[in-house]
Amino acid sequence: MSIVVVRQEKKDDGTGETDGFPIWLVVLALAIVVVAAVVVQRFVRK
């Protein structure tokens, strides 16, 4: 419940941030995870 309240307070700032993390940082992190997974699969297949 407390997490929802925090998220609502963050949205009121209008900075486009959620839970203190910028959206671009979250997207970048997801991209890094995807690339890392592909690289690991390539090494495993070899």
N, C-alpha and C. Protein backbone atom coordinates (compact mmCIF):
# COMPACT_ATOMS: atom_id res chain seq x y z
N MET A 1 0.84 -1.20 0.00
CA MET A 1 0.00 0.00 0.00
C MET A 1 0.87 1.25 0.00
N SER A 2 1.93 1.22 0.77
CA SER A 2 2.79 2.40 0.88
C SER A 2 3.46 2.71 -0.45
N ILE A 3 3.74 1.66 -1.24
CA ILE A 3 4.42 1.86 -2.53
C ILE A 3 3.51 2.67 -3.46
N VAL A 4 2.21 2.36 -3.45
CA VAL A 4 1.27 3.08 -4.32
C VAL A 4 1.25 4.56 -3.96
N VAL A 5 1.27 4.86 -2.67
CA VAL A 5 1.25 6.25 -2.22
C VAL A 5 2.50 6.97 -2.70
N VAL A 6 3.64 6.30 -2.59
CA VAL A 6 4.90 6.92 -3.02
C VAL A 6 4.86 7.21 -4.51
N ARG A 7 4.32 6.27 -5.28
CA ARG A 7 4.26 6.46 -6.74
C ARG A 7 3.38 7.65 -7.08
N GLN A 8 2.26 7.81 -6.38
CA GLN A 8 1.37 8.93 -6.64
C GLN A 8 2.07 10.25 -6.33
N GLU A 9 2.84 10.29 -5.25
CA GLU A 9 3.56 11.51 -4.89
C GLU A 9 4.62 11.84 -5.94
N LYS A 10 5.30 10.82 -6.45
CA LYS A 10 6.33 11.03 -7.47
C LYS A 10 5.70 11.59 -8.74
N LYS A 11 4.54 11.06 -9.13
CA LYS A 11 3.88 11.51 -10.36
C LYS A 11 3.51 12.99 -10.27
N ASP A 12 3.19 13.46 -9.08
CA ASP A 12 2.80 14.86 -8.90
C ASP A 12 3.95 15.80 -9.22
N ASP A 13 5.18 15.30 -9.17
CA ASP A 13 6.34 16.15 -9.46
C ASP A 13 6.39 16.54 -10.93
N GLY A 14 5.82 15.70 -11.81
CA GLY A 14 5.79 16.02 -13.23
C GLY A 14 7.15 15.92 -13.88
N THR A 15 8.08 15.17 -13.27
CA THR A 15 9.42 15.03 -13.84
C THR A 15 9.52 13.78 -14.71
N GLY A 16 8.45 13.00 -14.78
CA GLY A 16 8.47 11.79 -15.58
C GLY A 16 9.23 10.67 -14.89
N GLU A 17 9.45 10.79 -13.58
CA GLU A 17 10.18 9.76 -12.85
C GLU A 17 9.20 8.90 -12.05
N THR A 18 9.53 7.62 -11.92
CA THR A 18 8.70 6.71 -11.12
C THR A 18 9.58 6.05 -10.08
N ASP A 19 9.18 6.13 -8.84
CA ASP A 19 9.94 5.51 -7.74
C ASP A 19 11.38 6.04 -7.69
N GLY A 20 11.60 7.26 -8.16
CA GLY A 20 12.93 7.86 -8.08
C GLY A 20 13.84 7.47 -9.23
N PHE A 21 13.35 6.66 -10.18
CA PHE A 21 14.18 6.27 -11.33
C PHE A 21 13.65 6.92 -12.61
N PRO A 22 14.51 7.60 -13.37
CA PRO A 22 14.07 8.18 -14.65
C PRO A 22 13.65 7.07 -15.61
N ILE A 23 12.67 7.35 -16.47
CA ILE A 23 12.17 6.34 -17.40
C ILE A 23 13.29 5.87 -18.32
N TRP A 24 14.14 6.80 -18.79
CA TRP A 24 15.22 6.41 -19.72
C TRP A 24 16.18 5.44 -19.05
N LEU A 25 16.37 5.60 -17.73
CA LEU A 25 17.29 4.70 -17.01
C LEU A 25 16.70 3.29 -16.95
N VAL A 26 15.39 3.21 -16.75
CA VAL A 26 14.73 1.90 -16.70
C VAL A 26 14.81 1.22 -18.07
N VAL A 27 14.55 2.00 -19.13
CA VAL A 27 14.62 1.45 -20.49
C VAL A 27 16.03 0.98 -20.80
N LEU A 28 17.02 1.78 -20.39
CA LEU A 28 18.43 1.42 -20.63
C LEU A 28 18.78 0.13 -19.90
N ALA A 29 18.30 0.00 -18.68
CA ALA A 29 18.59 -1.21 -17.90
C ALA A 29 17.97 -2.44 -18.57
N LEU A 30 16.74 -2.30 -19.06
CA LEU A 30 16.09 -3.42 -19.73
C LEU A 30 16.86 -3.80 -20.99
N ALA A 31 17.34 -2.79 -21.74
CA ALA A 31 18.10 -3.05 -22.96
C ALA A 31 19.39 -3.80 -22.64
N ILE A 32 20.06 -3.39 -21.56
CA ILE A 32 21.31 -4.05 -21.16
C ILE A 32 21.04 -5.52 -20.80
N VAL A 33 19.93 -5.77 -20.11
CA VAL A 33 19.59 -7.14 -19.73
C VAL A 33 19.34 -7.99 -20.97
N VAL A 34 18.64 -7.43 -21.95
CA VAL A 34 18.34 -8.17 -23.18
C VAL A 34 19.63 -8.49 -23.93
N VAL A 35 20.50 -7.49 -24.08
CA VAL A 35 21.78 -7.69 -24.78
C VAL A 35 22.62 -8.74 -24.06
N ALA A 36 22.66 -8.65 -22.73
CA ALA A 36 23.44 -9.60 -21.95
C ALA A 36 22.90 -11.02 -22.14
N ALA A 37 21.59 -11.17 -22.18
CA ALA A 37 20.98 -12.49 -22.37
C ALA A 37 21.36 -13.06 -23.73
N VAL A 38 21.35 -12.22 -24.77
CA VAL A 38 21.71 -12.68 -26.11
C VAL A 38 23.17 -13.11 -26.15
N VAL A 39 24.04 -12.32 -25.53
CA VAL A 39 25.48 -12.64 -25.52
C VAL A 39 25.71 -13.97 -24.79
N VAL A 40 25.05 -14.15 -23.66
CA VAL A 40 25.21 -15.39 -22.88
C VAL A 40 24.74 -16.59 -23.70
N GLN A 41 23.62 -16.44 -24.39
CA GLN A 41 23.11 -17.55 -25.20
C GLN A 41 24.10 -17.91 -26.30
N ARG A 42 24.73 -16.90 -26.90
CA ARG A 42 25.70 -17.16 -27.97
C ARG A 42 26.89 -17.94 -27.42
N PHE A 43 27.38 -17.56 -26.24
CA PHE A 43 28.52 -18.26 -25.65
C PHE A 43 28.12 -19.69 -25.27
N VAL A 44 26.90 -19.87 -24.77
CA VAL A 44 26.45 -21.20 -24.36
C VAL A 44 26.32 -22.10 -25.58
N ARG A 45 25.82 -21.56 -26.69
CA ARG A 45 25.65 -22.37 -27.90
C ARG A 45 27.00 -22.81 -28.46
N LYS A 46 28.01 -21.98 -28.30
CA LYS A 46 29.35 -22.35 -28.79
C LYS A 46 29.90 -23.48 -27.92
